[in-house]
Amino acid sequence: MLLGIGSAEETVYRTILENPSYGVVELSLELGWPVHQIRDTLDELAKLSLLRPSWEEPDVLRLVRPEVGLAALLAREEAALLAKQQEIERSRMAVAQMIAAYADQNPARSGEDSESLVGIDTIRARIEEQVAECRQELLGFEPKSAQTLDNIAASRPLDEALLDRGTAIRVVYTDSIRNDQPTSAYAAWLTERGGQVRTTPGLPLRMLVFDRRVALLPTDPEDSSVGAVLLRGAGVVTALVALFEQTWGAATPLGEERRRDEKGLSHQEREVLRLLSAGLTDEAVARRLDVSVRTLRRVTADLMERLEARSRFQAGYLAATRGWLPRP
């Protein structure tokens, strides 16, 4: 279906474009359709504003110029697509806020599935405890490319202890890790010791999952130092592991050349398109991808040029129709 136009309407519309003088009878003879079907189809085209009543003969429908009629339909589809993607993004943010609110209002008691942690000392102490108990696998998201030297210093002995006893470590960083020498050096050290590291354009939040049974998440995704929540419920931890595996499968191994898909898009470009089409501002997208606003705008300008788009609305629509964006 093109711009909300059904197959019958499209067939009749194309025939009228090629033969503007055709009336109902001529269209019926040309297409071999009954007259009542032609009339019904013309009524649908009028509802789509591709035909309009004649000023001189109100009972006769006249062709609306394609550059006017189709442009209006395109604008309507663009608005509907943007609204749907904004709804999805709002839903995603609402889920994250509910998780954080629940954790904040439900401090841990013995045997419960969640535990709220406040302060860096408390958080690091709980991480040390979980590392000591972790035997099979540690999974992690690190959304900030520049890790503080304090964080690196605190992480190294814990990761070393895990690797020394044969525990698998898999961590996903953002692509921008390449711009921070201490963090990229630490990731390289981790891979040399037997850990696995991959990168992706953007990550939703910082996360650690221990042996697929306990997950540690920040209460504020923008500032992990504010507090954290430790989750033990099988359902939510399973969902977080599924999110990790999905992200891991699409990420690029550290040091490997960045791959492009069959449409020539890099992971970063696909993520930029997805976030911009969801209605996020340049500043919000840059923050999600951990890049500068200037870098984000350069990527956006390049994508618009490749799409031959004159506006971001048009770029979003063209990206969707070409399969550059997942359908809502």
C-alpha atoms as a PDB file:
ATOM      1  CA  MET A   1       0.000   0.000   0.000  1.00  0.00           C
ATOM      2  CA  LEU A   2       1.538   3.323  -1.116  1.00  0.00           C
ATOM      3  CA  LEU A   3       0.877   6.304   1.191  1.00  0.00           C
ATOM      4  CA  GLY A   4      -2.367   4.684   2.362  1.00  0.00           C
ATOM      5  CA  ILE A   5      -3.582   4.159  -1.208  1.00  0.00           C
ATOM      6  CA  GLY A   6      -5.072   0.701  -1.849  1.00  0.00           C
ATOM      7  CA  SER A   7      -4.165  -1.343  -4.913  1.00  0.00           C
ATOM      8  CA  ALA A   8      -7.480  -0.619  -6.693  1.00  0.00           C
ATOM      9  CA  GLU A   9      -7.190   3.115  -6.013  1.00  0.00           C
ATOM     10  CA  GLU A  10      -3.576   3.131  -7.203  1.00  0.00           C
ATOM     11  CA  THR A  11      -4.521   1.352 -10.447  1.00  0.00           C
ATOM     12  CA  VAL A  12      -7.299   3.829 -11.219  1.00  0.00           C
ATOM     13  CA  TYR A  13      -5.161   6.805 -10.196  1.00  0.00           C
ATOM     14  CA  ARG A  14      -2.297   5.774 -12.477  1.00  0.00           C
ATOM     15  CA  THR A  15      -4.751   5.279 -15.338  1.00  0.00           C
ATOM     16  CA  ILE A  16      -6.157   8.779 -14.808  1.00  0.00           C
ATOM     17  CA  LEU A  17      -2.642  10.230 -14.708  1.00  0.00           C
ATOM     18  CA  GLU A  18      -1.950   8.690 -18.115  1.00  0.00           C
ATOM     19  CA  ASN A  19      -5.395   9.602 -19.485  1.00  0.00           C
ATOM     20  CA  PRO A  20      -6.688  12.754 -17.703  1.00  0.00           C
ATOM     21  CA  SER A  21      -9.757  13.013 -19.951  1.00  0.00           C
ATOM     22  CA  TYR A  22     -11.135   9.586 -19.043  1.00  0.00           C
ATOM     23  CA  GLY A  23     -14.516   9.431 -17.345  1.00  0.00           C
ATOM     24  CA  VAL A  24     -16.220   6.551 -15.568  1.00  0.00           C
ATOM     25  CA  VAL A  25     -17.155   4.755 -18.797  1.00  0.00           C
ATOM     26  CA  GLU A  26     -13.703   5.055 -20.324  1.00  0.00           C
ATOM     27  CA  LEU A  27     -12.068   3.826 -17.115  1.00  0.00           C
ATOM     28  CA  SER A  28     -14.460   0.877 -16.991  1.00  0.00           C
ATOM     29  CA  LEU A  29     -13.616  -0.097 -20.567  1.00  0.00           C
ATOM     30  CA  GLU A  30      -9.879   0.439 -20.075  1.00  0.00           C
ATOM     31  CA  LEU A  31      -9.651  -1.657 -16.896  1.00  0.00           C
ATOM     32  CA  GLY A  32     -12.446  -4.116 -17.575  1.00  0.00           C
ATOM     33  CA  TRP A  33     -14.081  -3.259 -14.240  1.00  0.00           C
ATOM     34  CA  PRO A  34     -17.811  -2.771 -13.617  1.00  0.00           C
ATOM     35  CA  VAL A  35     -18.975   0.837 -13.458  1.00  0.00           C
ATOM     36  CA  HIS A  36     -20.017   0.597  -9.786  1.00  0.00           C
ATOM     37  CA  GLN A  37     -16.460  -0.489  -8.838  1.00  0.00           C
ATOM     38  CA  ILE A  38     -14.999   2.457 -10.755  1.00  0.00           C
ATOM     39  CA  ARG A  39     -17.344   4.869  -8.964  1.00  0.00           C
ATOM     40  CA  ASP A  40     -16.507   3.435  -5.541  1.00  0.00           C
ATOM     41  CA  THR A  41     -12.793   3.693  -6.285  1.00  0.00           C
ATOM     42  CA  LEU A  42     -13.134   7.300  -7.473  1.00  0.00           C
ATOM     43  CA  ASP A  43     -14.941   8.137  -4.224  1.00  0.00           C
ATOM     44  CA  GLU A  44     -12.001   6.705  -2.249  1.00  0.00           C
ATOM     45  CA  LEU A  45      -9.540   8.792  -4.286  1.00  0.00           C
ATOM     46  CA  ALA A  46     -11.638  11.872  -3.536  1.00  0.00           C
ATOM     47  CA  LYS A  47     -11.452  11.075   0.199  1.00  0.00           C
ATOM     48  CA  LEU A  48      -7.662  10.947  -0.184  1.00  0.00           C
ATOM     49  CA  SER A  49      -7.797  14.417  -1.842  1.00  0.00           C
ATOM     50  CA  LEU A  50      -6.317  13.048  -5.082  1.00  0.00           C
ATOM     51  CA  LEU A  51      -9.517  13.968  -6.936  1.00  0.00           C
ATOM     52  CA  ARG A  52     -11.843  16.933  -6.317  1.00  0.00           C
ATOM     53  CA  PRO A  53     -15.269  18.021  -7.579  1.00  0.00           C
ATOM     54  CA  SER A  54     -15.158  20.246 -10.653  1.00  0.00           C
ATOM     55  CA  TRP A  55     -15.994  23.890 -10.020  1.00  0.00           C
ATOM     56  CA  GLU A  56     -17.958  23.957 -13.280  1.00  0.00           C
ATOM     57  CA  GLU A  57     -19.541  20.494 -13.027  1.00  0.00           C
ATOM     58  CA  PRO A  58     -19.919  19.518  -9.335  1.00  0.00           C
ATOM     59  CA  ASP A  59     -20.906  15.954 -10.229  1.00  0.00           C
ATOM     60  CA  VAL A  60     -17.599  15.440 -12.093  1.00  0.00           C
ATOM     61  CA  LEU A  61     -14.327  14.640 -10.283  1.00  0.00           C
ATOM     62  CA  ARG A  62     -11.174  16.329 -11.531  1.00  0.00           C
ATOM     63  CA  LEU A  63      -7.559  15.244 -10.995  1.00  0.00           C
ATOM     64  CA  VAL A  64      -5.618  17.080  -8.272  1.00  0.00           C
ATOM     65  CA  ARG A  65      -2.078  17.747  -9.456  1.00  0.00           C
ATOM     66  CA  PRO A  66       0.173  14.905  -8.163  1.00  0.00           C
ATOM     67  CA  GLU A  67       2.734  17.297  -6.669  1.00  0.00           C
ATOM     68  CA  VAL A  68      -0.081  18.702  -4.519  1.00  0.00           C
ATOM     69  CA  GLY A  69      -2.159  15.629  -3.717  1.00  0.00           C
ATOM     70  CA  LEU A  70       0.690  13.184  -3.158  1.00  0.00           C
ATOM     71  CA  ALA A  71       2.694  15.713  -1.155  1.00  0.00           C
ATOM     72  CA  ALA A  72      -0.228  16.071   1.258  1.00  0.00           C
ATOM     73  CA  LEU A  73      -0.462  12.300   1.656  1.00  0.00           C
ATOM     74  CA  LEU A  74       3.294  12.099   2.220  1.00  0.00           C
ATOM     75  CA  ALA A  75       3.113  14.739   4.949  1.00  0.00           C
ATOM     76  CA  ARG A  76       0.270  12.857   6.637  1.00  0.00           C
ATOM     77  CA  GLU A  77       2.215   9.577   6.562  1.00  0.00           C
ATOM     78  CA  GLU A  78       5.304  11.308   7.915  1.00  0.00           C
ATOM     79  CA  ALA A  79       3.292  12.736  10.817  1.00  0.00           C
ATOM     80  CA  ALA A  80       1.716   9.347  11.603  1.00  0.00           C
ATOM     81  CA  LEU A  81       5.113   7.622  11.503  1.00  0.00           C
ATOM     82  CA  LEU A  82       6.684  10.216  13.785  1.00  0.00           C
ATOM     83  CA  ALA A  83       3.778   9.995  16.242  1.00  0.00           C
ATOM     84  CA  LYS A  84       4.054   6.205  16.425  1.00  0.00           C
ATOM     85  CA  GLN A  85       7.806   6.244  16.959  1.00  0.00           C
ATOM     86  CA  GLN A  86       7.477   8.940  19.631  1.00  0.00           C
ATOM     87  CA  GLU A  87       4.882   6.762  21.374  1.00  0.00           C
ATOM     88  CA  ILE A  88       7.296   3.813  21.359  1.00  0.00           C
ATOM     89  CA  GLU A  89      10.095   5.968  22.768  1.00  0.00           C
ATOM     90  CA  ARG A  90       7.793   7.367  25.470  1.00  0.00           C
ATOM     91  CA  SER A  91       6.799   3.819  26.403  1.00  0.00           C
ATOM     92  CA  ARG A  92      10.441   2.770  26.647  1.00  0.00           C
ATOM     93  CA  MET A  93      11.247   5.714  28.912  1.00  0.00           C
ATOM     94  CA  ALA A  94       8.148   5.066  31.037  1.00  0.00           C
ATOM     95  CA  VAL A  95       9.223   1.467  31.644  1.00  0.00           C
ATOM     96  CA  ALA A  96      12.665   2.606  32.777  1.00  0.00           C
ATOM     97  CA  GLN A  97      11.130   5.195  35.107  1.00  0.00           C
ATOM     98  CA  MET A  98       8.745   2.643  36.626  1.00  0.00           C
ATOM     99  CA  ILE A  99      11.601   0.235  37.305  1.00  0.00           C
ATOM    100  CA  ALA A 100      13.579   3.007  38.991  1.00  0.00           C
ATOM    101  CA  ALA A 101      10.547   4.209  40.984  1.00  0.00           C
ATOM    102  CA  TYR A 102       9.728   0.692  42.138  1.00  0.00           C
ATOM    103  CA  ALA A 103      13.288   0.104  43.251  1.00  0.00           C
ATOM    104  CA  ASP A 104      13.385   3.437  45.075  1.00  0.00           C
ATOM    105  CA  GLN A 105      10.159   2.747  46.966  1.00  0.00           C
ATOM    106  CA  ASN A 106      11.007  -0.854  47.814  1.00  0.00           C
ATOM    107  CA  PRO A 107      14.240  -1.101  49.826  1.00  0.00           C
ATOM    108  CA  ALA A 108      15.481  -4.627  50.314  1.00  0.00           C
ATOM    109  CA  ARG A 109      14.404  -6.919  53.078  1.00  0.00           C
ATOM    110  CA  SER A 110      15.628 -10.460  53.475  1.00  0.00           C
ATOM    111  CA  GLY A 111      14.284 -12.723  50.730  1.00  0.00           C
ATOM    112  CA  GLU A 112      12.873  -9.921  48.513  1.00  0.00           C
ATOM    113  CA  ASP A 113      13.662  -9.612  44.819  1.00  0.00           C
ATOM    114  CA  SER A 114      15.053  -6.063  44.850  1.00  0.00           C
ATOM    115  CA  GLU A 115      17.448  -4.024  46.946  1.00  0.00           C
ATOM    116  CA  SER A 116      18.067  -0.297  46.715  1.00  0.00           C
ATOM    117  CA  LEU A 117      21.654   0.903  47.078  1.00  0.00           C
ATOM    118  CA  VAL A 118      22.636   4.500  47.791  1.00  0.00           C
ATOM    119  CA  GLY A 119      26.162   5.896  47.522  1.00  0.00           C
ATOM    120  CA  ILE A 120      29.280   4.775  45.684  1.00  0.00           C
ATOM    121  CA  ASP A 121      30.685   2.936  48.717  1.00  0.00           C
ATOM    122  CA  THR A 122      27.525   0.854  49.126  1.00  0.00           C
ATOM    123  CA  ILE A 123      27.308   0.091  45.410  1.00  0.00           C
ATOM    124  CA  ARG A 124      30.941  -0.981  45.120  1.00  0.00           C
ATOM    125  CA  ALA A 125      30.676  -3.108  48.256  1.00  0.00           C
ATOM    126  CA  ARG A 126      27.703  -4.969  46.764  1.00  0.00           C
ATOM    127  CA  ILE A 127      29.563  -5.427  43.487  1.00  0.00           C
ATOM    128  CA  GLU A 128      32.500  -6.951  45.351  1.00  0.00           C
ATOM    129  CA  GLU A 129      30.137  -9.362  47.109  1.00  0.00           C
ATOM    130  CA  GLN A 130      28.483 -10.422  43.861  1.00  0.00           C
ATOM    131  CA  VAL A 131      31.856 -10.870  42.129  1.00  0.00           C
ATOM    132  CA  ALA A 132      32.975 -13.122  44.980  1.00  0.00           C
ATOM    133  CA  GLU A 133      29.899 -15.318  44.426  1.00  0.00           C
ATOM    134  CA  CYS A 134      29.962 -15.210  40.606  1.00  0.00           C
ATOM    135  CA  ARG A 135      31.197 -18.465  39.080  1.00  0.00           C
ATOM    136  CA  GLN A 136      29.851 -18.833  35.549  1.00  0.00           C
ATOM    137  CA  GLU A 137      29.522 -15.510  33.718  1.00  0.00           C
ATOM    138  CA  LEU A 138      29.505 -11.742  34.132  1.00  0.00           C
ATOM    139  CA  LEU A 139      27.615  -9.668  31.545  1.00  0.00           C
ATOM    140  CA  GLY A 140      27.926  -5.897  31.351  1.00  0.00           C
ATOM    141  CA  PHE A 141      26.817  -2.721  29.557  1.00  0.00           C
ATOM    142  CA  GLU A 142      29.139   0.327  29.780  1.00  0.00           C
ATOM    143  CA  PRO A 143      27.339   3.243  28.058  1.00  0.00           C
ATOM    144  CA  LYS A 144      29.976   5.885  28.835  1.00  0.00           C
ATOM    145  CA  SER A 145      33.069   5.838  26.637  1.00  0.00           C
ATOM    146  CA  ALA A 146      35.214   7.648  29.205  1.00  0.00           C
ATOM    147  CA  GLN A 147      35.419   5.631  32.424  1.00  0.00           C
ATOM    148  CA  THR A 148      36.916   7.473  35.362  1.00  0.00           C
ATOM    149  CA  LEU A 149      40.332   6.339  36.534  1.00  0.00           C
ATOM    150  CA  ASP A 150      38.738   5.491  39.901  1.00  0.00           C
ATOM    151  CA  ASN A 151      36.245   3.169  38.207  1.00  0.00           C
ATOM    152  CA  ILE A 152      38.983   1.496  36.198  1.00  0.00           C
ATOM    153  CA  ALA A 153      41.125   1.040  39.300  1.00  0.00           C
ATOM    154  CA  ALA A 154      38.177  -0.462  41.207  1.00  0.00           C
ATOM    155  CA  SER A 155      37.217  -2.776  38.327  1.00  0.00           C
ATOM    156  CA  ARG A 156      40.623  -4.233  37.478  1.00  0.00           C
ATOM    157  CA  PRO A 157      41.174  -6.466  40.565  1.00  0.00           C
ATOM    158  CA  LEU A 158      37.569  -7.694  40.420  1.00  0.00           C
ATOM    159  CA  ASP A 159      37.784  -8.611  36.731  1.00  0.00           C
ATOM    160  CA  GLU A 160      41.174 -10.189  37.319  1.00  0.00           C
ATOM    161  CA  ALA A 161      39.772 -12.371  40.115  1.00  0.00           C
ATOM    162  CA  LEU A 162      36.898 -13.517  37.876  1.00  0.00           C
ATOM    163  CA  LEU A 163      39.177 -14.392  34.964  1.00  0.00           C
ATOM    164  CA  ASP A 164      41.690 -16.170  37.232  1.00  0.00           C
ATOM    165  CA  ARG A 165      39.046 -18.624  38.369  1.00  0.00           C
ATOM    166  CA  GLY A 166      37.714 -19.174  34.832  1.00  0.00           C
ATOM    167  CA  THR A 167      34.572 -17.028  34.946  1.00  0.00           C
ATOM    168  CA  ALA A 168      33.539 -15.729  31.521  1.00  0.00           C
ATOM    169  CA  ILE A 169      33.272 -11.943  31.087  1.00  0.00           C
ATOM    170  CA  ARG A 170      31.379 -10.283  28.248  1.00  0.00           C
ATOM    171  CA  VAL A 171      31.091  -6.500  28.127  1.00  0.00           C
ATOM    172  CA  VAL A 172      29.508  -4.141  25.582  1.00  0.00           C
ATOM    173  CA  TYR A 173      30.855  -0.580  25.323  1.00  0.00           C
ATOM    174  CA  THR A 174      29.750   2.219  23.006  1.00  0.00           C
ATOM    175  CA  ASP A 175      31.660   2.765  19.755  1.00  0.00           C
ATOM    176  CA  SER A 176      32.969   6.051  21.145  1.00  0.00           C
ATOM    177  CA  ILE A 177      35.276   4.084  23.473  1.00  0.00           C
ATOM    178  CA  ARG A 178      37.856   4.535  20.725  1.00  0.00           C
ATOM    179  CA  ASN A 179      37.999   8.239  21.636  1.00  0.00           C
ATOM    180  CA  ASP A 180      39.115   7.635  25.244  1.00  0.00           C
ATOM    181  CA  GLN A 181      42.591   6.147  25.623  1.00  0.00           C
ATOM    182  CA  PRO A 182      42.390   4.911  29.266  1.00  0.00           C
ATOM    183  CA  THR A 183      39.064   3.149  28.695  1.00  0.00           C
ATOM    184  CA  SER A 184      40.058   1.629  25.354  1.00  0.00           C
ATOM    185  CA  ALA A 185      43.336   0.462  26.944  1.00  0.00           C
ATOM    186  CA  TYR A 186      41.411  -1.193  29.775  1.00  0.00           C
ATOM    187  CA  ALA A 187      39.100  -2.924  27.293  1.00  0.00           C
ATOM    188  CA  ALA A 188      42.131  -4.167  25.369  1.00  0.00           C
ATOM    189  CA  TRP A 189      43.657  -5.492  28.620  1.00  0.00           C
ATOM    190  CA  LEU A 190      40.403  -7.285  29.383  1.00  0.00           C
ATOM    191  CA  THR A 191      40.424  -9.067  26.003  1.00  0.00           C
ATOM    192  CA  GLU A 192      44.087 -10.010  26.399  1.00  0.00           C
ATOM    193  CA  ARG A 193      43.217 -11.699  29.702  1.00  0.00           C
ATOM    194  CA  GLY A 194      40.433 -13.739  28.077  1.00  0.00           C
ATOM    195  CA  GLY A 195      37.403 -11.494  28.421  1.00  0.00           C
ATOM    196  CA  GLN A 196      35.254 -10.588  25.433  1.00  0.00           C
ATOM    197  CA  VAL A 197      34.483  -6.984  24.486  1.00  0.00           C
ATOM    198  CA  ARG A 198      32.227  -5.639  21.772  1.00  0.00           C
ATOM    199  CA  THR A 199      31.011  -2.140  20.866  1.00  0.00           C
ATOM    200  CA  THR A 200      27.729  -0.711  19.635  1.00  0.00           C
ATOM    201  CA  PRO A 201      26.564   2.850  18.813  1.00  0.00           C
ATOM    202  CA  GLY A 202      24.476   3.342  21.947  1.00  0.00           C
ATOM    203  CA  LEU A 203      23.385   1.582  25.120  1.00  0.00           C
ATOM    204  CA  PRO A 204      20.269   2.244  27.244  1.00  0.00           C
ATOM    205  CA  LEU A 205      21.966   2.193  30.648  1.00  0.00           C
ATOM    206  CA  ARG A 206      24.802   0.745  32.676  1.00  0.00           C
ATOM    207  CA  MET A 207      24.182  -2.848  33.737  1.00  0.00           C
ATOM    208  CA  LEU A 208      25.897  -5.832  35.354  1.00  0.00           C
ATOM    209  CA  VAL A 209      24.403  -9.348  35.427  1.00  0.00           C
ATOM    210  CA  PHE A 210      26.013 -12.005  37.628  1.00  0.00           C
ATOM    211  CA  ASP A 211      25.516 -15.669  36.680  1.00  0.00           C
ATOM    212  CA  ARG A 212      22.165 -14.773  35.059  1.00  0.00           C
ATOM    213  CA  ARG A 213      20.572 -14.607  38.512  1.00  0.00           C
ATOM    214  CA  VAL A 214      21.320 -11.111  39.842  1.00  0.00           C
ATOM    215  CA  ALA A 215      21.314  -7.805  37.943  1.00  0.00           C
ATOM    216  CA  LEU A 216      22.630  -4.401  39.025  1.00  0.00           C
ATOM    217  CA  LEU A 217      21.076  -1.297  37.410  1.00  0.00           C
ATOM    218  CA  PRO A 218      21.385   2.432  38.151  1.00  0.00           C
ATOM    219  CA  THR A 219      18.293   4.156  39.543  1.00  0.00           C
ATOM    220  CA  ASP A 220      19.192   7.141  37.337  1.00  0.00           C
ATOM    221  CA  PRO A 221      20.516   6.036  33.905  1.00  0.00           C
ATOM    222  CA  GLU A 222      22.073   9.492  33.422  1.00  0.00           C
ATOM    223  CA  ASP A 223      24.089   9.324  36.657  1.00  0.00           C
ATOM    224  CA  SER A 224      24.980   5.872  37.955  1.00  0.00           C
ATOM    225  CA  SER A 225      26.600   7.367  41.075  1.00  0.00           C
ATOM    226  CA  VAL A 226      23.237   8.459  42.494  1.00  0.00           C
ATOM    227  CA  GLY A 227      22.124   4.978  43.403  1.00  0.00           C
ATOM    228  CA  ALA A 228      21.466   1.477  42.093  1.00  0.00           C
ATOM    229  CA  VAL A 229      19.019  -1.376  42.392  1.00  0.00           C
ATOM    230  CA  LEU A 230      19.969  -5.025  42.774  1.00  0.00           C
ATOM    231  CA  LEU A 231      17.369  -7.329  41.184  1.00  0.00           C
ATOM    232  CA  ARG A 232      17.024 -11.056  41.808  1.00  0.00           C
ATOM    233  CA  GLY A 233      13.624 -11.862  40.301  1.00  0.00           C
ATOM    234  CA  ALA A 234      13.916 -14.555  37.645  1.00  0.00           C
ATOM    235  CA  GLY A 235      11.519 -12.812  35.251  1.00  0.00           C
ATOM    236  CA  VAL A 236      13.185  -9.405  35.140  1.00  0.00           C
ATOM    237  CA  VAL A 237      16.732 -10.836  35.123  1.00  0.00           C
ATOM    238  CA  THR A 238      15.807 -13.160  32.236  1.00  0.00           C
ATOM    239  CA  ALA A 239      14.474 -10.156  30.299  1.00  0.00           C
ATOM    240  CA  LEU A 240      17.682  -8.202  30.941  1.00  0.00           C
ATOM    241  CA  VAL A 241      19.797 -11.152  29.780  1.00  0.00           C
ATOM    242  CA  ALA A 242      17.701 -11.328  26.594  1.00  0.00           C
ATOM    243  CA  LEU A 243      18.348  -7.598  26.047  1.00  0.00           C
ATOM    244  CA  PHE A 244      22.064  -8.194  26.540  1.00  0.00           C
ATOM    245  CA  GLU A 245      22.154 -11.123  24.103  1.00  0.00           C
ATOM    246  CA  GLN A 246      20.277  -9.164  21.457  1.00  0.00           C
ATOM    247  CA  THR A 247      22.668  -6.224  21.820  1.00  0.00           C
ATOM    248  CA  TRP A 248      25.712  -8.506  21.919  1.00  0.00           C
ATOM    249  CA  GLY A 249      24.685 -10.262  18.701  1.00  0.00           C
ATOM    250  CA  ALA A 250      24.496  -6.962  16.806  1.00  0.00           C
ATOM    251  CA  ALA A 251      27.669  -5.455  18.327  1.00  0.00           C
ATOM    252  CA  THR A 252      31.140  -5.399  16.763  1.00  0.00           C
ATOM    253  CA  PRO A 253      34.097  -7.177  18.424  1.00  0.00           C
ATOM    254  CA  LEU A 254      36.664  -4.746  19.791  1.00  0.00           C
ATOM    255  CA  GLY A 255      39.340  -3.979  17.208  1.00  0.00           C
ATOM    256  CA  GLU A 256      37.311  -5.305  14.282  1.00  0.00           C
ATOM    257  CA  GLU A 257      36.586  -2.916  11.428  1.00  0.00           C
ATOM    258  CA  ARG A 258      33.142  -1.375  11.717  1.00  0.00           C
ATOM    259  CA  ARG A 259      30.761  -3.283   9.489  1.00  0.00           C
ATOM    260  CA  ARG A 260      28.087  -1.836   7.202  1.00  0.00           C
ATOM    261  CA  ASP A 261      24.876  -3.617   6.314  1.00  0.00           C
ATOM    262  CA  GLU A 262      23.561  -4.393   2.840  1.00  0.00           C
ATOM    263  CA  LYS A 263      22.190  -0.835   2.598  1.00  0.00           C
ATOM    264  CA  GLY A 264      25.602   0.673   3.348  1.00  0.00           C
ATOM    265  CA  LEU A 265      24.673   1.817   6.875  1.00  0.00           C
ATOM    266  CA  SER A 266      26.944   1.565   9.880  1.00  0.00           C
ATOM    267  CA  HIS A 267      25.569   0.597  13.306  1.00  0.00           C
ATOM    268  CA  GLN A 268      25.920   4.207  14.408  1.00  0.00           C
ATOM    269  CA  GLU A 269      24.010   5.549  11.388  1.00  0.00           C
ATOM    270  CA  ARG A 270      21.142   3.107  11.937  1.00  0.00           C
ATOM    271  CA  GLU A 271      20.911   4.145  15.602  1.00  0.00           C
ATOM    272  CA  VAL A 272      20.981   7.859  14.697  1.00  0.00           C
ATOM    273  CA  LEU A 273      18.077   7.323  12.282  1.00  0.00           C
ATOM    274  CA  ARG A 274      16.088   5.357  14.870  1.00  0.00           C
ATOM    275  CA  LEU A 275      16.517   7.913  17.656  1.00  0.00           C
ATOM    276  CA  LEU A 276      15.909  10.980  15.471  1.00  0.00           C
ATOM    277  CA  SER A 277      12.793   9.422  13.934  1.00  0.00           C
ATOM    278  CA  ALA A 278      11.550   8.776  17.480  1.00  0.00           C
ATOM    279  CA  GLY A 279      11.550  12.546  18.026  1.00  0.00           C
ATOM    280  CA  LEU A 280      14.652  12.944  20.206  1.00  0.00           C
ATOM    281  CA  THR A 281      16.587  16.197  19.987  1.00  0.00           C
ATOM    282  CA  ASP A 282      20.146  16.361  18.685  1.00  0.00           C
ATOM    283  CA  GLU A 283      21.363  16.833  22.243  1.00  0.00           C
ATOM    284  CA  ALA A 284      19.454  13.779  23.503  1.00  0.00           C
ATOM    285  CA  VAL A 285      20.694  11.575  20.640  1.00  0.00           C
ATOM    286  CA  ALA A 286      24.292  12.715  21.149  1.00  0.00           C
ATOM    287  CA  ARG A 287      23.966  11.898  24.853  1.00  0.00           C
ATOM    288  CA  ARG A 288      22.569   8.432  24.078  1.00  0.00           C
ATOM    289  CA  LEU A 289      25.439   7.684  21.674  1.00  0.00           C
ATOM    290  CA  ASP A 290      28.028   9.367  23.909  1.00  0.00           C
ATOM    291  CA  VAL A 291      29.249  11.612  21.074  1.00  0.00           C
ATOM    292  CA  SER A 292      29.373  15.379  20.621  1.00  0.00           C
ATOM    293  CA  VAL A 293      26.422  17.272  19.142  1.00  0.00           C
ATOM    294  CA  ARG A 294      28.726  18.391  16.346  1.00  0.00           C
ATOM    295  CA  THR A 295      29.530  14.779  15.458  1.00  0.00           C
ATOM    296  CA  LEU A 296      25.840  13.865  15.580  1.00  0.00           C
ATOM    297  CA  ARG A 297      24.898  16.706  13.224  1.00  0.00           C
ATOM    298  CA  ARG A 298      27.627  15.718  10.788  1.00  0.00           C
ATOM    299  CA  VAL A 299      26.296  12.155  10.665  1.00  0.00           C
ATOM    300  CA  THR A 300      22.736  13.461  10.235  1.00  0.00           C
ATOM    301  CA  ALA A 301      23.727  15.789   7.384  1.00  0.00           C
ATOM    302  CA  ASP A 302      25.472  12.923   5.598  1.00  0.00           C
ATOM    303  CA  LEU A 303      22.404  10.686   5.933  1.00  0.00           C
ATOM    304  CA  MET A 304      20.077  13.400   4.605  1.00  0.00           C
ATOM    305  CA  GLU A 305      22.351  13.912   1.628  1.00  0.00           C
ATOM    306  CA  ARG A 306      22.369  10.177   0.859  1.00  0.00           C
ATOM    307  CA  LEU A 307      18.570  10.076   1.162  1.00  0.00           C
ATOM    308  CA  GLU A 308      18.258  13.244  -0.970  1.00  0.00           C
ATOM    309  CA  ALA A 309      15.948  14.612   1.715  1.00  0.00           C
ATOM    310  CA  ARG A 310      15.157  18.299   2.134  1.00  0.00           C
ATOM    311  CA  SER A 311      13.894  17.993   5.706  1.00  0.00           C
ATOM    312  CA  ARG A 312      14.195  15.658   8.658  1.00  0.00           C
ATOM    313  CA  PHE A 313      10.541  14.693   8.254  1.00  0.00           C
ATOM    314  CA  GLN A 314      11.228  13.637   4.687  1.00  0.00           C
ATOM    315  CA  ALA A 315      14.446  11.879   5.711  1.00  0.00           C
ATOM    316  CA  GLY A 316      12.528   9.842   8.292  1.00  0.00           C
ATOM    317  CA  TYR A 317       9.886   8.827   5.772  1.00  0.00           C
ATOM    318  CA  LEU A 318      12.420   7.945   3.073  1.00  0.00           C
ATOM    319  CA  ALA A 319      14.513   5.969   5.548  1.00  0.00           C
ATOM    320  CA  ALA A 320      11.430   3.978   6.571  1.00  0.00           C
ATOM    321  CA  THR A 321      10.280   3.275   3.010  1.00  0.00           C
ATOM    322  CA  ARG A 322      13.772   2.131   2.010  1.00  0.00           C
ATOM    323  CA  GLY A 323      13.950  -0.237   4.947  1.00  0.00           C
ATOM    324  CA  TRP A 324      16.598   1.783   6.800  1.00  0.00           C
ATOM    325  CA  LEU A 325      14.351   1.880   9.879  1.00  0.00           C
ATOM    326  CA  PRO A 326      12.522  -0.946  11.637  1.00  0.00           C
ATOM    327  CA  ARG A 327       8.776  -0.736  11.134  1.00  0.00           C
ATOM    328  CA  PRO A 328       6.854   0.259  14.280  1.00  0.00           C
END
